[in-house]
PDB file of N, CA and C in Angstrom:
ATOM      1  N   ARG A   1    -130.687  82.784 -68.204  1.00  0.00           N
ATOM      2  CA  ARG A   1    -129.270  82.510 -68.360  1.00  0.00           C
ATOM      3  C   ARG A   1    -129.029  81.023 -68.536  1.00  0.00           C
ATOM      4  N   ARG A   2    -129.697  80.203 -67.736  1.00  0.00           N
ATOM      5  CA  ARG A   2    -129.486  78.753 -67.823  1.00  0.00           C
ATOM      6  C   ARG A   2    -129.856  78.209 -69.194  1.00  0.00           C
ATOM      7  N   VAL A   3    -130.953  78.695 -69.755  1.00  0.00           N
ATOM      8  CA  VAL A   3    -131.394  78.217 -71.066  1.00  0.00           C
ATOM      9  C   VAL A   3    -130.376  78.593 -72.132  1.00  0.00           C
ATOM     10  N   LEU A   4    -129.936  79.846 -72.133  1.00  0.00           N
ATOM     11  CA  LEU A   4    -128.971  80.307 -73.131  1.00  0.00           C
ATOM     12  C   LEU A   4    -127.648  79.566 -72.997  1.00  0.00           C
ATOM     13  N   VAL A   5    -127.174  79.396 -71.787  1.00  0.00           N
ATOM     14  CA  VAL A   5    -125.929  78.639 -71.558  1.00  0.00           C
ATOM     15  C   VAL A   5    -126.086  77.211 -72.064  1.00  0.00           C
ATOM     16  N   GLY A   6    -127.202  76.579 -71.760  1.00  0.00           N
ATOM     17  CA  GLY A   6    -127.432  75.207 -72.213  1.00  0.00           C
ATOM     18  C   GLY A   6    -127.458  75.094 -73.727  1.00  0.00           C
ATOM     19  N   LEU A   7    -128.120  76.044 -74.387  1.00  0.00           N
ATOM     20  CA  LEU A   7    -128.164  76.028 -75.849  1.00  0.00           C
ATOM     21  C   LEU A   7    -126.781  76.209 -76.459  1.00  0.00           C
ATOM     22  N   LEU A   8    -126.024  77.163 -75.946  1.00  0.00           N
ATOM     23  CA  LEU A   8    -124.694  77.426 -76.491  1.00  0.00           C
ATOM     24  C   LEU A   8    -123.750  76.256 -76.247  1.00  0.00           C
ATOM     25  N   ARG A   9    -123.782  75.707 -75.050  1.00  0.00           N
ATOM     26  CA  ARG A   9    -122.933  74.543 -74.762  1.00  0.00           C
ATOM     27  C   ARG A   9    -123.357  73.344 -75.602  1.00  0.00           C
ATOM     28  N   GLY A  10    -124.662  73.198 -75.802  1.00  0.00           N
ATOM     29  CA  GLY A  10    -125.168  72.111 -76.635  1.00  0.00           C
ATOM     30  C   GLY A  10    -124.684  72.196 -78.066  1.00  0.00           C
ATOM     31  N   ASP A  11    -124.383  73.424 -78.527  1.00  0.00           N
ATOM     32  CA  ASP A  11    -123.834  73.627 -79.863  1.00  0.00           C
ATOM     33  C   ASP A  11    -122.314  73.528 -79.885  1.00  0.00           C
ATOM     34  N   GLY A  12    -121.713  73.204 -78.732  1.00  0.00           N
ATOM     35  CA  GLY A  12    -120.277  73.000 -78.678  1.00  0.00           C
ATOM     36  C   GLY A  12    -119.451  74.215 -78.303  1.00  0.00           C
ATOM     37  N   HIS A  13    -120.092  75.294 -77.872  1.00  0.00           N
ATOM     38  CA  HIS A  13    -119.356  76.496 -77.487  1.00  0.00           C
ATOM     39  C   HIS A  13    -118.871  76.397 -76.041  1.00  0.00           C
ATOM     40  N   GLN A  14    -117.722  76.972 -75.792  1.00  0.00           N
ATOM     41  CA  GLN A  14    -117.234  77.091 -74.426  1.00  0.00           C
ATOM     42  C   GLN A  14    -117.899  78.328 -73.836  1.00  0.00           C
ATOM     43  N   VAL A  15    -118.530  78.190 -72.683  1.00  0.00           N
ATOM     44  CA  VAL A  15    -119.302  79.278 -72.099  1.00  0.00           C
ATOM     45  C   VAL A  15    -118.860  79.514 -70.665  1.00  0.00           C
ATOM     46  N   ASP A  16    -118.551  80.760 -70.346  1.00  0.00           N
ATOM     47  CA  ASP A  16    -118.362  81.194 -68.959  1.00  0.00           C
ATOM     48  C   ASP A  16    -119.589  82.032 -68.626  1.00  0.00           C
ATOM     49  N   GLU A  17    -120.083  81.904 -67.417  1.00  0.00           N
ATOM     50  CA  GLU A  17    -121.243  82.712 -67.046  1.00  0.00           C
ATOM     51  C   GLU A  17    -120.958  83.499 -65.783  1.00  0.00           C
ATOM     52  N   ALA A  18    -121.615  84.634 -65.692  1.00  0.00           N
ATOM     53  CA  ALA A  18    -121.464  85.511 -64.536  1.00  0.00           C
ATOM     54  C   ALA A  18    -122.829  85.675 -63.884  1.00  0.00           C
ATOM     55  N   ALA A  19    -122.864  85.607 -62.573  1.00  0.00           N
ATOM     56  CA  ALA A  19    -124.121  85.713 -61.836  1.00  0.00           C
ATOM     57  C   ALA A  19    -124.637  87.144 -61.772  1.00  0.00           C
ATOM     58  N   ASP A  20    -123.727  88.107 -61.933  1.00  0.00           N
ATOM     59  CA  ASP A  20    -124.153  89.507 -61.884  1.00  0.00           C
ATOM     60  C   ASP A  20    -123.178  90.361 -62.689  1.00  0.00           C
ATOM     61  N   GLY A  21    -123.481  91.649 -62.768  1.00  0.00           N
ATOM     62  CA  GLY A  21    -122.676  92.547 -63.576  1.00  0.00           C
ATOM     63  C   GLY A  21    -121.247  92.707 -63.091  1.00  0.00           C
ATOM     64  N   SER A  22    -121.061  92.742 -61.797  1.00  0.00           N
ATOM     65  CA  SER A  22    -119.697  92.885 -61.263  1.00  0.00           C
ATOM     66  C   SER A  22    -118.832  91.696 -61.642  1.00  0.00           C
ATOM     67  N   GLU A  23    -119.425  90.515 -61.560  1.00  0.00           N
ATOM     68  CA  GLU A  23    -118.700  89.297 -61.944  1.00  0.00           C
ATOM     69  C   GLU A  23    -118.382  89.320 -63.442  1.00  0.00           C
ATOM     70  N   ALA A  24    -119.292  89.856 -64.240  1.00  0.00           N
ATOM     71  CA  ALA A  24    -119.068  89.951 -65.687  1.00  0.00           C
ATOM     72  C   ALA A  24    -117.906  90.892 -65.999  1.00  0.00           C
ATOM     73  N   VAL A  25    -117.853  92.037 -65.325  1.00  0.00           N
ATOM     74  CA  VAL A  25    -116.761  92.993 -65.545  1.00  0.00           C
ATOM     75  C   VAL A  25    -115.435  92.349 -65.183  1.00  0.00           C
ATOM     76  N   THR A  26    -115.383  91.645 -64.071  1.00  0.00           N
ATOM     77  CA  THR A  26    -114.160  90.965 -63.648  1.00  0.00           C
ATOM     78  C   THR A  26    -113.736  89.923 -64.668  1.00  0.00           C
ATOM     79  N   ALA A  27    -114.685  89.134 -65.159  1.00  0.00           N
ATOM     80  CA  ALA A  27    -114.364  88.102 -66.147  1.00  0.00           C
ATOM     81  C   ALA A  27    -113.850  88.725 -67.437  1.00  0.00           C
ATOM     82  N   MET A  28    -114.504  89.782 -67.901  1.00  0.00           N
ATOM     83  CA  MET A  28    -114.097  90.417 -69.156  1.00  0.00           C
ATOM     84  C   MET A  28    -112.719  91.055 -69.046  1.00  0.00           C
ATOM     85  N   ALA A  29    -112.330  91.465 -67.851  1.00  0.00           N
ATOM     86  CA  ALA A  29    -111.015  92.069 -67.650  1.00  0.00           C
ATOM     87  C   ALA A  29    -109.913  91.024 -67.567  1.00  0.00           C
ATOM     88  N   SER A  30    -110.298  89.789 -67.235  1.00  0.00           N
ATOM     89  CA  SER A  30    -109.275  88.769 -66.982  1.00  0.00           C
ATOM     90  C   SER A  30    -108.896  87.937 -68.197  1.00  0.00           C
ATOM     91  N   ALA A  31    -109.753  87.904 -69.209  1.00  0.00           N
ATOM     92  CA  ALA A  31    -109.466  87.036 -70.356  1.00  0.00           C
ATOM     93  C   ALA A  31    -110.167  87.567 -71.603  1.00  0.00           C
ATOM     94  N   PRO A  32    -109.597  87.279 -72.768  1.00  0.00           N
ATOM     95  CA  PRO A  32    -110.292  87.672 -74.004  1.00  0.00           C
ATOM     96  C   PRO A  32    -111.466  86.723 -74.275  1.00  0.00           C
ATOM     97  N   TYR A  33    -112.532  87.271 -74.802  1.00  0.00           N
ATOM     98  CA  TYR A  33    -113.707  86.490 -75.171  1.00  0.00           C
ATOM     99  C   TYR A  33    -114.053  86.778 -76.622  1.00  0.00           C
ATOM    100  N   ASP A  34    -114.598  85.778 -77.298  1.00  0.00           N
ATOM    101  CA  ASP A  34    -115.062  85.970 -78.670  1.00  0.00           C
ATOM    102  C   ASP A  34    -116.348  86.775 -78.699  1.00  0.00           C
ATOM    103  N   LEU A  35    -117.150  86.676 -77.638  1.00  0.00           N
ATOM    104  CA  LEU A  35    -118.430  87.372 -77.558  1.00  0.00           C
ATOM    105  C   LEU A  35    -118.844  87.486 -76.104  1.00  0.00           C
ATOM    106  N   ALA A  36    -119.405  88.624 -75.744  1.00  0.00           N
ATOM    107  CA  ALA A  36    -120.025  88.793 -74.428  1.00  0.00           C
ATOM    108  C   ALA A  36    -121.511  89.031 -74.655  1.00  0.00           C
ATOM    109  N   ILE A  37    -122.334  88.307 -73.926  1.00  0.00           N
ATOM    110  CA  ILE A  37    -123.775  88.510 -73.975  1.00  0.00           C
ATOM    111  C   ILE A  37    -124.173  89.093 -72.630  1.00  0.00           C
ATOM    112  N   VAL A  38    -124.698  90.309 -72.646  1.00  0.00           N
ATOM    113  CA  VAL A  38    -125.094  90.958 -71.396  1.00  0.00           C
ATOM    114  C   VAL A  38    -126.587  91.251 -71.434  1.00  0.00           C
ATOM    115  N   ASP A  39    -127.187  91.188 -70.278  1.00  0.00           N
ATOM    116  CA  ASP A  39    -128.610  91.455 -70.126  1.00  0.00           C
ATOM    117  C   ASP A  39    -128.772  92.826 -69.481  1.00  0.00           C
ATOM    118  N   LEU A  40    -129.621  93.638 -70.053  1.00  0.00           N
ATOM    119  CA  LEU A  40    -129.841  94.963 -69.496  1.00  0.00           C
ATOM    120  C   LEU A  40    -130.400  94.908 -68.082  1.00  0.00           C
ATOM    121  N   THR A  41    -131.046  93.799 -67.726  1.00  0.00           N
ATOM    122  CA  THR A  41    -131.655  93.695 -66.401  1.00  0.00           C
ATOM    123  C   THR A  41    -130.875  92.778 -65.455  1.00  0.00           C
ATOM    124  N   MET A  42    -129.583  92.548 -65.735  1.00  0.00           N
ATOM    125  CA  MET A  42    -128.809  91.685 -64.852  1.00  0.00           C
ATOM    126  C   MET A  42    -128.654  92.343 -63.483  1.00  0.00           C
ATOM    127  N   PRO A  43    -128.540  91.533 -62.416  1.00  0.00           N
ATOM    128  CA  PRO A  43    -128.422  92.090 -61.068  1.00  0.00           C
ATOM    129  C   PRO A  43    -127.077  92.771 -60.835  1.00  0.00           C
ATOM    130  N   GLY A  44    -127.036  93.572 -59.800  1.00  0.00           N
ATOM    131  CA  GLY A  44    -125.817  94.332 -59.510  1.00  0.00           C
ATOM    132  C   GLY A  44    -125.652  95.398 -60.559  1.00  0.00           C
ATOM    133  N   LEU A  45    -124.507  95.423 -61.209  1.00  0.00           N
ATOM    134  CA  LEU A  45    -124.335  96.321 -62.350  1.00  0.00           C
ATOM    135  C   LEU A  45    -125.225  95.818 -63.477  1.00  0.00           C
ATOM    136  N   ASN A  46    -126.027  96.691 -64.072  1.00  0.00           N
ATOM    137  CA  ASN A  46    -126.861  96.231 -65.185  1.00  0.00           C
ATOM    138  C   ASN A  46    -126.019  96.160 -66.458  1.00  0.00           C
ATOM    139  N   GLY A  47    -126.614  95.680 -67.527  1.00  0.00           N
ATOM    140  CA  GLY A  47    -125.880  95.484 -68.772  1.00  0.00           C
ATOM    141  C   GLY A  47    -125.222  96.743 -69.301  1.00  0.00           C
ATOM    142  N   LEU A  48    -125.912  97.879 -69.205  1.00  0.00           N
ATOM    143  CA  LEU A  48    -125.308  99.136 -69.667  1.00  0.00           C
ATOM    144  C   LEU A  48    -124.107  99.523 -68.823  1.00  0.00           C
ATOM    145  N   GLU A  49    -124.201  99.291 -67.526  1.00  0.00           N
ATOM    146  CA  GLU A  49    -123.066  99.600 -66.645  1.00  0.00           C
ATOM    147  C   GLU A  49    -121.884  98.675 -66.934  1.00  0.00           C
ATOM    148  N   VAL A  50    -122.156  97.427 -67.269  1.00  0.00           N
ATOM    149  CA  VAL A  50    -121.084  96.495 -67.652  1.00  0.00           C
ATOM    150  C   VAL A  50    -120.399  96.999 -68.922  1.00  0.00           C
ATOM    151  N   LEU A  51    -121.194  97.389 -69.915  1.00  0.00           N
ATOM    152  CA  LEU A  51    -120.622  97.909 -71.160  1.00  0.00           C
ATOM    153  C   LEU A  51    -119.819  99.180 -70.908  1.00  0.00           C
ATOM    154  N   ARG A  52    -120.336 100.048 -70.077  1.00  0.00           N
ATOM    155  CA  ARG A  52    -119.632 101.293 -69.750  1.00  0.00           C
ATOM    156  C   ARG A  52    -118.289 100.991 -69.086  1.00  0.00           C
ATOM    157  N   ALA A  53    -118.283 100.064 -68.136  1.00  0.00           N
ATOM    158  CA  ALA A  53    -117.040  99.702 -67.447  1.00  0.00           C
ATOM    159  C   ALA A  53    -116.027  99.111 -68.423  1.00  0.00           C
ATOM    160  N   ALA A  54    -116.494  98.248 -69.312  1.00  0.00           N
ATOM    161  CA  ALA A  54    -115.591  97.640 -70.294  1.00  0.00           C
ATOM    162  C   ALA A  54    -115.046  98.707 -71.238  1.00  0.00           C
ATOM    163  N   HIS A  55    -115.892  99.618 -71.657  1.00  0.00           N
ATOM    164  CA  HIS A  55    -115.478 100.683 -72.576  1.00  0.00           C
ATOM    165  C   HIS A  55    -114.492 101.643 -71.914  1.00  0.00           C
ATOM    166  N   GLN A  56    -114.636 101.874 -70.631  1.00  0.00           N
ATOM    167  CA  GLN A  56    -113.774 102.812 -69.909  1.00  0.00           C
ATOM    168  C   GLN A  56    -112.480 102.170 -69.434  1.00  0.00           C
ATOM    169  N   GLY A  57    -112.195 100.977 -69.919  1.00  0.00           N
ATOM    170  CA  GLY A  57    -110.896 100.397 -69.643  1.00  0.00           C
ATOM    171  C   GLY A  57    -110.868  99.278 -68.636  1.00  0.00           C
ATOM    172  N   ALA A  58    -112.014  98.901 -68.070  1.00  0.00           N
ATOM    173  CA  ALA A  58    -111.999  97.782 -67.131  1.00  0.00           C
ATOM    174  C   ALA A  58    -111.634  96.487 -67.846  1.00  0.00           C
ATOM    175  N   SER A  59    -111.911  96.425 -69.145  1.00  0.00           N
ATOM    176  CA  SER A  59    -111.547  95.256 -69.930  1.00  0.00           C
ATOM    177  C   SER A  59    -110.519  95.645 -70.980  1.00  0.00           C
ATOM    178  N   PRO A  60    -109.296  95.115 -70.898  1.00  0.00           N
ATOM    179  CA  PRO A  60    -108.271  95.434 -71.886  1.00  0.00           C
ATOM    180  C   PRO A  60    -108.458  94.686 -73.205  1.00  0.00           C
ATOM    181  N   HIS A  61    -109.410  93.773 -73.234  1.00  0.00           N
ATOM    182  CA  HIS A  61    -109.633  92.942 -74.407  1.00  0.00           C
ATOM    183  C   HIS A  61    -110.865  93.426 -75.163  1.00  0.00           C
ATOM    184  N   PRO A  62    -110.711  93.883 -76.413  1.00  0.00           N
ATOM    185  CA  PRO A  62    -111.901  94.285 -77.168  1.00  0.00           C
ATOM    186  C   PRO A  62    -112.786  93.062 -77.439  1.00  0.00           C
ATOM    187  N   THR A  63    -114.048  93.165 -77.094  1.00  0.00           N
ATOM    188  CA  THR A  63    -114.958  92.035 -77.199  1.00  0.00           C
ATOM    189  C   THR A  63    -116.261  92.477 -77.849  1.00  0.00           C
ATOM    190  N   PRO A  64    -116.708  91.788 -78.892  1.00  0.00           N
ATOM    191  CA  PRO A  64    -118.039  92.076 -79.429  1.00  0.00           C
ATOM    192  C   PRO A  64    -119.085  91.754 -78.373  1.00  0.00           C
ATOM    193  N   VAL A  65    -120.176  92.496 -78.392  1.00  0.00           N
ATOM    194  CA  VAL A  65    -121.193  92.340 -77.358  1.00  0.00           C
ATOM    195  C   VAL A  65    -122.573  92.174 -77.999  1.00  0.00           C
ATOM    196  N   CYS A  66    -123.351  91.268 -77.447  1.00  0.00           N
ATOM    197  CA  CYS A  66    -124.761  91.091 -77.781  1.00  0.00           C
ATOM    198  C   CYS A  66    -125.537  91.501 -76.545  1.00  0.00           C
ATOM    199  N   VAL A  67    -126.473  92.437 -76.706  1.00  0.00           N
ATOM    200  CA  VAL A  67    -127.247  92.937 -75.569  1.00  0.00           C
ATOM    201  C   VAL A  67    -128.648  92.331 -75.621  1.00  0.00           C
ATOM    202  N   LEU A  68    -129.069  91.769 -74.492  1.00  0.00           N
ATOM    203  CA  LEU A  68    -130.402  91.187 -74.364  1.00  0.00           C
ATOM    204  C   LEU A  68    -131.218  92.005 -73.375  1.00  0.00           C
ATOM    205  N   LEU A  69    -132.493  91.998 -73.567  1.00  0.00           N
ATOM    206  CA  LEU A  69    -133.417  92.562 -72.569  1.00  0.00           C
ATOM    207  C   LEU A  69    -134.387  91.457 -72.212  1.00  0.00           C
ATOM    208  N   THR A  70    -134.241  90.951 -70.996  1.00  0.00           N
ATOM    209  CA  THR A  70    -135.122  89.892 -70.531  1.00  0.00           C
ATOM    210  C   THR A  70    -135.974  90.434 -69.399  1.00  0.00           C
ATOM    211  N   ALA A  71    -136.990  89.709 -69.047  1.00  0.00           N
ATOM    212  CA  ALA A  71    -137.821  90.109 -67.923  1.00  0.00           C
ATOM    213  C   ALA A  71    -137.057  89.850 -66.630  1.00  0.00           C
ATOM    214  N   SER A  72    -137.089  90.797 -65.742  1.00  0.00           N
ATOM    215  CA  SER A  72    -136.413  90.580 -64.458  1.00  0.00           C
ATOM    216  C   SER A  72    -137.310  89.722 -63.577  1.00  0.00           C
ATOM    217  N   THR A  73    -136.664  88.910 -62.742  1.00  0.00           N
ATOM    218  CA  THR A  73    -137.432  88.025 -61.861  1.00  0.00           C
ATOM    219  C   THR A  73    -137.175  88.351 -60.438  1.00  0.00           C
TER     220      THR A  73
END
C-alpha cells in the first residue's frame, strides 16, 4: 500500500488510504472517488467483501474499481 500510495502521490494524484476493508467501505460511502483500488487480501473485509458492500448500497457513489492481488503479510 505504501509503495502504491507513494507512486500515485508522486504523479500528483490525491490519495486517501484505508488500513482495512471496513475503513474502505466507510470512505467509499462518505465521498465520491474517481477510482478505488482494493486488494483481495486486505485485512478485515477482503477486497471482494468491500466490492460486495459497495454494490449492495453501502456506497451511494458509483466508483470504478481496480482489483489487486498482493501477497498477504
